[in-house]
């Protein structure tokens, strides 16, 4: 889990979601959750293992987190700030 702020100072948490079932291929995915609203999932950003997902999330830069956030909120139909 990573906490960060978007361009407008709103706080977000980037965390992992997990798809249930026996198929482990792409089981873990990225979820962006604001402190004060509904989360947005990026189900096309996937990992096969929790270890790989944790490592990837832990090494994402602030720029990458904000880029993923724009993608997630754009897909959810929300307005997002531009860089």
PDB file of N, CA and C in Angstrom:
ATOM      1  N   UNK A   1       0.850  -1.169   0.000  1.00  0.00           N
ATOM      2  CA  UNK A   1       0.000   0.000   0.000  1.00  0.00           C
ATOM      3  C   UNK A   1       0.901   1.240   0.000  1.00  0.00           C
ATOM      4  N   UNK A   2       0.510   2.213  -0.818  1.00  0.00           N
ATOM      5  CA  UNK A   2       1.262   3.480  -0.888  1.00  0.00           C
ATOM      6  C   UNK A   2       0.286   4.639  -0.795  1.00  0.00           C
ATOM      7  N   UNK A   3       0.617   5.632   0.004  1.00  0.00           N
ATOM      8  CA  UNK A   3      -0.180   6.839   0.081  1.00  0.00           C
ATOM      9  C   UNK A   3       0.552   7.955  -0.636  1.00  0.00           C
ATOM     10  N   UNK A   4      -0.220   8.786  -1.346  1.00  0.00           N
ATOM     11  CA  UNK A   4       0.363   9.899  -2.090  1.00  0.00           C
ATOM     12  C   UNK A   4      -0.706  10.957  -2.314  1.00  0.00           C
ATOM     13  N   UNK A   5      -0.276  12.109  -2.831  1.00  0.00           N
ATOM     14  CA  UNK A   5      -1.194  13.200  -3.152  1.00  0.00           C
ATOM     15  C   UNK A   5      -1.195  13.437  -4.641  1.00  0.00           C
ATOM     16  N   UNK A   6      -2.383  13.766  -5.182  1.00  0.00           N
ATOM     17  CA  UNK A   6      -2.459  14.110  -6.592  1.00  0.00           C
ATOM     18  C   UNK A   6      -2.007  15.558  -6.788  1.00  0.00           C
ATOM     19  N   UNK A   7      -2.121  16.073  -7.988  1.00  0.00           N
ATOM     20  CA  UNK A   7      -1.654  17.425  -8.307  1.00  0.00           C
ATOM     21  C   UNK A   7      -2.381  18.505  -7.516  1.00  0.00           C
ATOM     22  N   UNK A   8      -3.605  18.215  -7.083  1.00  0.00           N
ATOM     23  CA  UNK A   8      -4.401  19.198  -6.346  1.00  0.00           C
ATOM     24  C   UNK A   8      -4.329  19.019  -4.836  1.00  0.00           C
ATOM     25  N   UNK A   9      -3.480  18.108  -4.369  1.00  0.00           N
ATOM     26  CA  UNK A   9      -3.294  17.896  -2.943  1.00  0.00           C
ATOM     27  C   UNK A   9      -4.273  16.922  -2.305  1.00  0.00           C
ATOM     28  N   UNK A  10      -5.090  16.264  -3.100  1.00  0.00           N
ATOM     29  CA  UNK A  10      -6.012  15.262  -2.577  1.00  0.00           C
ATOM     30  C   UNK A  10      -5.241  13.984  -2.271  1.00  0.00           C
ATOM     31  N   UNK A  11      -5.501  13.389  -1.114  1.00  0.00           N
ATOM     32  CA  UNK A  11      -4.769  12.196  -0.683  1.00  0.00           C
ATOM     33  C   UNK A  11      -5.403  10.931  -1.265  1.00  0.00           C
ATOM     34  N   UNK A  12      -4.536  10.024  -1.733  1.00  0.00           N
ATOM     35  CA  UNK A  12      -4.942   8.754  -2.327  1.00  0.00           C
ATOM     36  C   UNK A  12      -4.119   7.624  -1.729  1.00  0.00           C
ATOM     37  N   UNK A  13      -4.677   6.428  -1.801  1.00  0.00           N
ATOM     38  CA  UNK A  13      -3.961   5.219  -1.425  1.00  0.00           C
ATOM     39  C   UNK A  13      -3.950   4.286  -2.620  1.00  0.00           C
ATOM     40  N   UNK A  14      -2.765   3.874  -3.030  1.00  0.00           N
ATOM     41  CA  UNK A  14      -2.616   2.870  -4.079  1.00  0.00           C
ATOM     42  C   UNK A  14      -2.435   1.542  -3.356  1.00  0.00           C
ATOM     43  N   UNK A  15      -3.283   0.586  -3.689  1.00  0.00           N
ATOM     44  CA  UNK A  15      -3.222  -0.711  -3.013  1.00  0.00           C
ATOM     45  C   UNK A  15      -3.497  -1.820  -4.028  1.00  0.00           C
ATOM     46  N   UNK A  16      -3.390  -3.032  -3.568  1.00  0.00           N
ATOM     47  CA  UNK A  16      -3.640  -4.182  -4.427  1.00  0.00           C
ATOM     48  C   UNK A  16      -5.049  -4.710  -4.216  1.00  0.00           C
ATOM     49  N   UNK A  17      -5.671  -5.082  -5.312  1.00  0.00           N
ATOM     50  CA  UNK A  17      -6.918  -5.817  -5.270  1.00  0.00           C
ATOM     51  C   UNK A  17      -6.606  -7.251  -5.656  1.00  0.00           C
ATOM     52  N   UNK A  18      -7.448  -8.164  -5.265  1.00  0.00           N
ATOM     53  CA  UNK A  18      -7.205  -9.577  -5.584  1.00  0.00           C
ATOM     54  C   UNK A  18      -8.469 -10.193  -6.168  1.00  0.00           C
ATOM     55  N   UNK A  19      -8.307 -10.810  -7.312  1.00  0.00           N
ATOM     56  CA  UNK A  19      -9.406 -11.514  -7.973  1.00  0.00           C
ATOM     57  C   UNK A  19      -9.473 -12.918  -7.383  1.00  0.00           C
ATOM     58  N   UNK A  20     -10.631 -13.325  -6.872  1.00  0.00           N
ATOM     59  CA  UNK A  20     -10.733 -14.662  -6.276  1.00  0.00           C
ATOM     60  C   UNK A  20     -10.732 -15.750  -7.345  1.00  0.00           C
ATOM     61  N   UNK A  21     -10.464 -16.959  -6.913  1.00  0.00           N
ATOM     62  CA  UNK A  21     -10.508 -18.107  -7.810  1.00  0.00           C
ATOM     63  C   UNK A  21      -9.210 -18.879  -7.823  1.00  0.00           C
ATOM     64  N   UNK A  22      -9.199 -19.935  -8.607  1.00  0.00           N
ATOM     65  CA  UNK A  22      -8.034 -20.816  -8.679  1.00  0.00           C
ATOM     66  C   UNK A  22      -7.019 -20.396  -9.732  1.00  0.00           C
ATOM     67  N   UNK A  23      -7.391 -19.508 -10.628  1.00  0.00           N
ATOM     68  CA  UNK A  23      -6.486 -19.053 -11.677  1.00  0.00           C
ATOM     69  C   UNK A  23      -5.615 -17.920 -11.131  1.00  0.00           C
ATOM     70  N   UNK A  24      -4.317 -18.157 -11.058  1.00  0.00           N
ATOM     71  CA  UNK A  24      -3.416 -17.170 -10.482  1.00  0.00           C
ATOM     72  C   UNK A  24      -2.871 -16.182 -11.506  1.00  0.00           C
ATOM     73  N   UNK A  25      -3.113 -16.402 -12.782  1.00  0.00           N
ATOM     74  CA  UNK A  25      -2.579 -15.512 -13.807  1.00  0.00           C
ATOM     75  C   UNK A  25      -3.281 -14.155 -13.717  1.00  0.00           C
ATOM     76  N   UNK A  26      -2.520 -13.133 -13.375  1.00  0.00           N
ATOM     77  CA  UNK A  26      -3.078 -11.796 -13.256  1.00  0.00           C
ATOM     78  C   UNK A  26      -4.047 -11.640 -12.110  1.00  0.00           C
ATOM     79  N   UNK A  27      -3.836 -12.383 -11.053  1.00  0.00           N
ATOM     80  CA  UNK A  27      -4.753 -12.374  -9.916  1.00  0.00           C
ATOM     81  C   UNK A  27      -4.789 -11.040  -9.182  1.00  0.00           C
ATOM     82  N   UNK A  28      -3.655 -10.362  -9.068  1.00  0.00           N
ATOM     83  CA  UNK A  28      -3.564  -9.111  -8.321  1.00  0.00           C
ATOM     84  C   UNK A  28      -3.612  -7.927  -9.281  1.00  0.00           C
ATOM     85  N   UNK A  29      -4.307  -6.869  -8.882  1.00  0.00           N
ATOM     86  CA  UNK A  29      -4.433  -5.684  -9.732  1.00  0.00           C
ATOM     87  C   UNK A  29      -4.353  -4.422  -8.877  1.00  0.00           C
ATOM     88  N   UNK A  30      -4.183  -3.289  -9.544  1.00  0.00           N
ATOM     89  CA  UNK A  30      -3.981  -2.008  -8.877  1.00  0.00           C
ATOM     90  C   UNK A  30      -5.309  -1.322  -8.603  1.00  0.00           C
ATOM     91  N   UNK A  31      -5.452  -0.801  -7.383  1.00  0.00           N
ATOM     92  CA  UNK A  31      -6.646  -0.052  -6.979  1.00  0.00           C
ATOM     93  C   UNK A  31      -6.187   1.296  -6.431  1.00  0.00           C
ATOM     94  N   UNK A  32      -6.829   2.367  -6.904  1.00  0.00           N
ATOM     95  CA  UNK A  32      -6.567   3.717  -6.403  1.00  0.00           C
ATOM     96  C   UNK A  32      -7.781   4.158  -5.590  1.00  0.00           C
ATOM     97  N   UNK A  33      -7.532   4.507  -4.340  1.00  0.00           N
ATOM     98  CA  UNK A  33      -8.629   4.845  -3.438  1.00  0.00           C
ATOM     99  C   UNK A  33      -8.393   6.210  -2.795  1.00  0.00           C
ATOM    100  N   UNK A  34      -9.322   7.157  -2.996  1.00  0.00           N
ATOM    101  CA  UNK A  34      -9.172   8.461  -2.345  1.00  0.00           C
ATOM    102  C   UNK A  34      -9.542   8.353  -0.868  1.00  0.00           C
ATOM    103  N   UNK A  35      -9.062   9.294  -0.076  1.00  0.00           N
ATOM    104  CA  UNK A  35      -9.404   9.293   1.348  1.00  0.00           C
ATOM    105  C   UNK A  35     -10.893   9.535   1.568  1.00  0.00           C
ATOM    106  N   UNK A  36     -11.550  10.158   0.597  1.00  0.00           N
ATOM    107  CA  UNK A  36     -12.939  10.578   0.792  1.00  0.00           C
ATOM    108  C   UNK A  36     -13.879  10.160  -0.344  1.00  0.00           C
ATOM    109  N   UNK A  37     -13.689   8.972  -0.896  1.00  0.00           N
ATOM    110  CA  UNK A  37     -14.564   8.584  -1.997  1.00  0.00           C
ATOM    111  C   UNK A  37     -14.424   7.129  -2.392  1.00  0.00           C
ATOM    112  N   UNK A  38     -15.016   6.822  -3.545  1.00  0.00           N
ATOM    113  CA  UNK A  38     -15.023   5.452  -4.051  1.00  0.00           C
ATOM    114  C   UNK A  38     -13.719   5.119  -4.765  1.00  0.00           C
ATOM    115  N   UNK A  39     -13.242   3.888  -4.626  1.00  0.00           N
ATOM    116  CA  UNK A  39     -12.001   3.486  -5.298  1.00  0.00           C
ATOM    117  C   UNK A  39     -12.210   3.266  -6.795  1.00  0.00           C
ATOM    118  N   UNK A  40     -11.119   3.365  -7.538  1.00  0.00           N
ATOM    119  CA  UNK A  40     -11.106   3.064  -8.972  1.00  0.00           C
ATOM    120  C   UNK A  40     -10.076   1.969  -9.202  1.00  0.00           C
ATOM    121  N   UNK A  41     -10.466   0.920  -9.909  1.00  0.00           N
ATOM    122  CA  UNK A  41      -9.587  -0.219 -10.156  1.00  0.00           C
ATOM    123  C   UNK A  41      -8.992  -0.152 -11.549  1.00  0.00           C
ATOM    124  N   UNK A  42      -7.745  -0.546 -11.650  1.00  0.00           N
ATOM    125  CA  UNK A  42      -7.063  -0.709 -12.929  1.00  0.00           C
ATOM    126  C   UNK A  42      -6.824  -2.197 -13.108  1.00  0.00           C
ATOM    127  N   UNK A  43      -7.808  -2.900 -13.620  1.00  0.00           N
ATOM    128  CA  UNK A  43      -7.703  -4.354 -13.713  1.00  0.00           C
ATOM    129  C   UNK A  43      -6.759  -4.812 -14.820  1.00  0.00           C
ATOM    130  N   UNK A  44      -6.321  -3.882 -15.679  1.00  0.00           N
ATOM    131  CA  UNK A  44      -5.337  -4.280 -16.690  1.00  0.00           C
ATOM    132  C   UNK A  44      -3.904  -4.117 -16.202  1.00  0.00           C
ATOM    133  N   UNK A  45      -3.707  -3.566 -15.013  1.00  0.00           N
ATOM    134  CA  UNK A  45      -2.388  -3.519 -14.375  1.00  0.00           C
ATOM    135  C   UNK A  45      -2.390  -4.686 -13.396  1.00  0.00           C
ATOM    136  N   UNK A  46      -1.817  -5.824 -13.841  1.00  0.00           N
ATOM    137  CA  UNK A  46      -1.952  -7.068 -13.085  1.00  0.00           C
ATOM    138  C   UNK A  46      -0.605  -7.729 -12.824  1.00  0.00           C
ATOM    139  N   UNK A  47      -0.624  -8.526 -11.762  1.00  0.00           N
ATOM    140  CA  UNK A  47       0.540  -9.317 -11.395  1.00  0.00           C
ATOM    141  C   UNK A  47       0.073 -10.717 -11.020  1.00  0.00           C
ATOM    142  N   UNK A  48       0.960 -11.684 -11.185  1.00  0.00           N
ATOM    143  CA  UNK A  48       0.625 -13.074 -10.883  1.00  0.00           C
ATOM    144  C   UNK A  48       0.841 -13.444  -9.428  1.00  0.00           C
ATOM    145  N   UNK A  49       1.716 -12.728  -8.738  1.00  0.00           N
ATOM    146  CA  UNK A  49       1.990 -13.065  -7.340  1.00  0.00           C
ATOM    147  C   UNK A  49       1.954 -11.814  -6.479  1.00  0.00           C
ATOM    148  N   UNK A  50       1.645 -12.018  -5.221  1.00  0.00           N
ATOM    149  CA  UNK A  50       1.623 -10.892  -4.278  1.00  0.00           C
ATOM    150  C   UNK A  50       3.019 -10.294  -4.138  1.00  0.00           C
ATOM    151  N   UNK A  51       4.040 -11.138  -4.132  1.00  0.00           N
ATOM    152  CA  UNK A  51       5.412 -10.654  -3.994  1.00  0.00           C
ATOM    153  C   UNK A  51       5.770  -9.701  -5.139  1.00  0.00           C
ATOM    154  N   UNK A  52       5.462 -10.078  -6.365  1.00  0.00           N
ATOM    155  CA  UNK A  52       5.753  -9.217  -7.521  1.00  0.00           C
ATOM    156  C   UNK A  52       4.929  -7.934  -7.463  1.00  0.00           C
ATOM    157  N   UNK A  53       3.669  -8.055  -7.062  1.00  0.00           N
ATOM    158  CA  UNK A  53       2.793  -6.886  -6.973  1.00  0.00           C
ATOM    159  C   UNK A  53       3.283  -5.907  -5.906  1.00  0.00           C
ATOM    160  N   UNK A  54       3.644  -6.431  -4.739  1.00  0.00           N
ATOM    161  CA  UNK A  54       4.159  -5.576  -3.660  1.00  0.00           C
ATOM    162  C   UNK A  54       5.436  -4.862  -4.081  1.00  0.00           C
ATOM    163  N   UNK A  55       6.329  -5.589  -4.750  1.00  0.00           N
ATOM    164  CA  UNK A  55       7.581  -4.987  -5.193  1.00  0.00           C
ATOM    165  C   UNK A  55       7.321  -3.872  -6.220  1.00  0.00           C
ATOM    166  N   UNK A  56       6.449  -4.149  -7.183  1.00  0.00           N
ATOM    167  CA  UNK A  56       6.143  -3.147  -8.215  1.00  0.00           C
ATOM    168  C   UNK A  56       5.503  -1.903  -7.602  1.00  0.00           C
ATOM    169  N   UNK A  57       4.542  -2.094  -6.733  1.00  0.00           N
ATOM    170  CA  UNK A  57       3.881  -0.961  -6.092  1.00  0.00           C
ATOM    171  C   UNK A  57       4.857  -0.186  -5.217  1.00  0.00           C
ATOM    172  N   UNK A  58       5.722  -0.896  -4.537  1.00  0.00           N
ATOM    173  CA  UNK A  58       6.694  -0.244  -3.665  1.00  0.00           C
ATOM    174  C   UNK A  58       7.751   0.563  -4.396  1.00  0.00           C
ATOM    175  N   UNK A  59       7.981   0.255  -5.657  1.00  0.00           N
ATOM    176  CA  UNK A  59       9.013   0.965  -6.413  1.00  0.00           C
ATOM    177  C   UNK A  59       8.451   1.999  -7.389  1.00  0.00           C
ATOM    178  N   UNK A  60       7.132   2.131  -7.465  1.00  0.00           N
ATOM    179  CA  UNK A  60       6.545   3.139  -8.362  1.00  0.00           C
ATOM    180  C   UNK A  60       6.868   4.541  -7.855  1.00  0.00           C
ATOM    181  N   UNK A  61       7.264   5.397  -8.775  1.00  0.00           N
ATOM    182  CA  UNK A  61       7.543   6.786  -8.418  1.00  0.00           C
ATOM    183  C   UNK A  61       6.233   7.550  -8.268  1.00  0.00           C
ATOM    184  N   UNK A  62       6.312   8.745  -7.714  1.00  0.00           N
ATOM    185  CA  UNK A  62       5.148   9.609  -7.584  1.00  0.00           C
ATOM    186  C   UNK A  62       4.569   9.931  -8.962  1.00  0.00           C
ATOM    187  N   UNK A  63       5.437  10.153  -9.934  1.00  0.00           N
ATOM    188  CA  UNK A  63       4.981  10.432 -11.304  1.00  0.00           C
ATOM    189  C   UNK A  63       4.188   9.246 -11.855  1.00  0.00           C
ATOM    190  N   UNK A  64       4.689   8.040 -11.641  1.00  0.00           N
ATOM    191  CA  UNK A  64       3.991   6.837 -12.115  1.00  0.00           C
ATOM    192  C   UNK A  64       2.664   6.648 -11.397  1.00  0.00           C
ATOM    193  N   UNK A  65       2.624   6.874 -10.091  1.00  0.00           N
ATOM    194  CA  UNK A  65       1.374   6.755  -9.347  1.00  0.00           C
ATOM    195  C   UNK A  65       0.337   7.742  -9.869  1.00  0.00           C
ATOM    196  N   UNK A  66       0.753   8.979 -10.112  1.00  0.00           N
ATOM    197  CA  UNK A  66      -0.183   9.986 -10.625  1.00  0.00           C
ATOM    198  C   UNK A  66      -0.652   9.647 -12.032  1.00  0.00           C
ATOM    199  N   UNK A  67       0.234   9.096 -12.859  1.00  0.00           N
ATOM    200  CA  UNK A  67      -0.150   8.692 -14.210  1.00  0.00           C
ATOM    201  C   UNK A  67      -1.180   7.566 -14.148  1.00  0.00           C
ATOM    202  N   UNK A  68      -0.945   6.588 -13.296  1.00  0.00           N
ATOM    203  CA  UNK A  68      -1.899   5.485 -13.119  1.00  0.00           C
ATOM    204  C   UNK A  68      -3.222   6.003 -12.557  1.00  0.00           C
ATOM    205  N   UNK A  69      -3.149   6.973 -11.662  1.00  0.00           N
ATOM    206  CA  UNK A  69      -4.357   7.568 -11.096  1.00  0.00           C
ATOM    207  C   UNK A  69      -5.188   8.248 -12.187  1.00  0.00           C
ATOM    208  N   UNK A  70      -4.539   9.015 -13.049  1.00  0.00           N
ATOM    209  CA  UNK A  70      -5.266   9.659 -14.160  1.00  0.00           C
ATOM    210  C   UNK A  70      -5.943   8.618 -15.030  1.00  0.00           C
ATOM    211  N   UNK A  71      -5.270   7.540 -15.294  1.00  0.00           N
ATOM    212  CA  UNK A  71      -5.836   6.468 -16.089  1.00  0.00           C
ATOM    213  C   UNK A  71      -7.033   5.834 -15.381  1.00  0.00           C
ATOM    214  N   UNK A  72      -6.906   5.571 -14.101  1.00  0.00           N
ATOM    215  CA  UNK A  72      -7.983   4.936 -13.337  1.00  0.00           C
ATOM    216  C   UNK A  72      -9.201   5.837 -13.228  1.00  0.00           C
ATOM    217  N   UNK A  73      -9.005   7.093 -12.901  1.00  0.00           N
ATOM    218  CA  UNK A  73     -10.143   7.990 -12.726  1.00  0.00           C
ATOM    219  C   UNK A  73     -10.748   8.385 -14.061  1.00  0.00           C
ATOM    220  N   UNK A  74      -9.948   8.432 -15.107  1.00  0.00           N
ATOM    221  CA  UNK A  74     -10.485   8.711 -16.440  1.00  0.00           C
ATOM    222  C   UNK A  74     -11.408   7.607 -16.890  1.00  0.00           C
ATOM    223  N   UNK A  75     -11.053   6.378 -16.596  1.00  0.00           N
ATOM    224  CA  UNK A  75     -11.892   5.222 -16.953  1.00  0.00           C
ATOM    225  C   UNK A  75     -13.158   5.190 -16.122  1.00  0.00           C
ATOM    226  N   UNK A  76     -13.081   5.743 -14.908  1.00  0.00           N
ATOM    227  CA  UNK A  76     -14.270   5.758 -14.041  1.00  0.00           C
ATOM    228  C   UNK A  76     -15.177   6.930 -14.384  1.00  0.00           C
ATOM    229  N   UNK A  77     -14.745   7.805 -15.303  1.00  0.00           N
ATOM    230  CA  UNK A  77     -15.566   8.929 -15.724  1.00  0.00           C
ATOM    231  C   UNK A  77     -15.374  10.181 -14.913  1.00  0.00           C
ATOM    232  N   UNK A  78     -14.395  10.204 -14.032  1.00  0.00           N
ATOM    233  CA  UNK A  78     -14.132  11.372 -13.209  1.00  0.00           C
ATOM    234  C   UNK A  78     -13.233  12.352 -13.928  1.00  0.00           C
ATOM    235  N   UNK A  79     -13.340  13.615 -13.564  1.00  0.00           N
ATOM    236  CA  UNK A  79     -12.417  14.617 -14.091  1.00  0.00           C
ATOM    237  C   UNK A  79     -11.115  14.504 -13.326  1.00  0.00           C
ATOM    238  N   UNK A  80     -10.000  14.603 -14.014  1.00  0.00           N
ATOM    239  CA  UNK A  80      -8.703  14.517 -13.356  1.00  0.00           C
ATOM    240  C   UNK A  80      -7.853  15.696 -13.772  1.00  0.00           C
ATOM    241  N   UNK A  81      -6.975  16.136 -12.897  1.00  0.00           N
ATOM    242  CA  UNK A  81      -6.101  17.257 -13.235  1.00  0.00           C
ATOM    243  C   UNK A  81      -5.038  16.836 -14.247  1.00  0.00           C
ATOM    244  N   UNK A  82      -4.608  17.766 -15.047  1.00  0.00           N
ATOM    245  CA  UNK A  82      -3.526  17.512 -16.004  1.00  0.00           C
ATOM    246  C   UNK A  82      -2.202  17.865 -15.365  1.00  0.00           C
ATOM    247  N   UNK A  83      -1.141  17.220 -15.827  1.00  0.00           N
ATOM    248  CA  UNK A  83       0.215  17.556 -15.341  1.00  0.00           C
ATOM    249  C   UNK A  83       0.670  18.855 -15.921  1.00  0.00           C
TER     250      UNK A  83
END
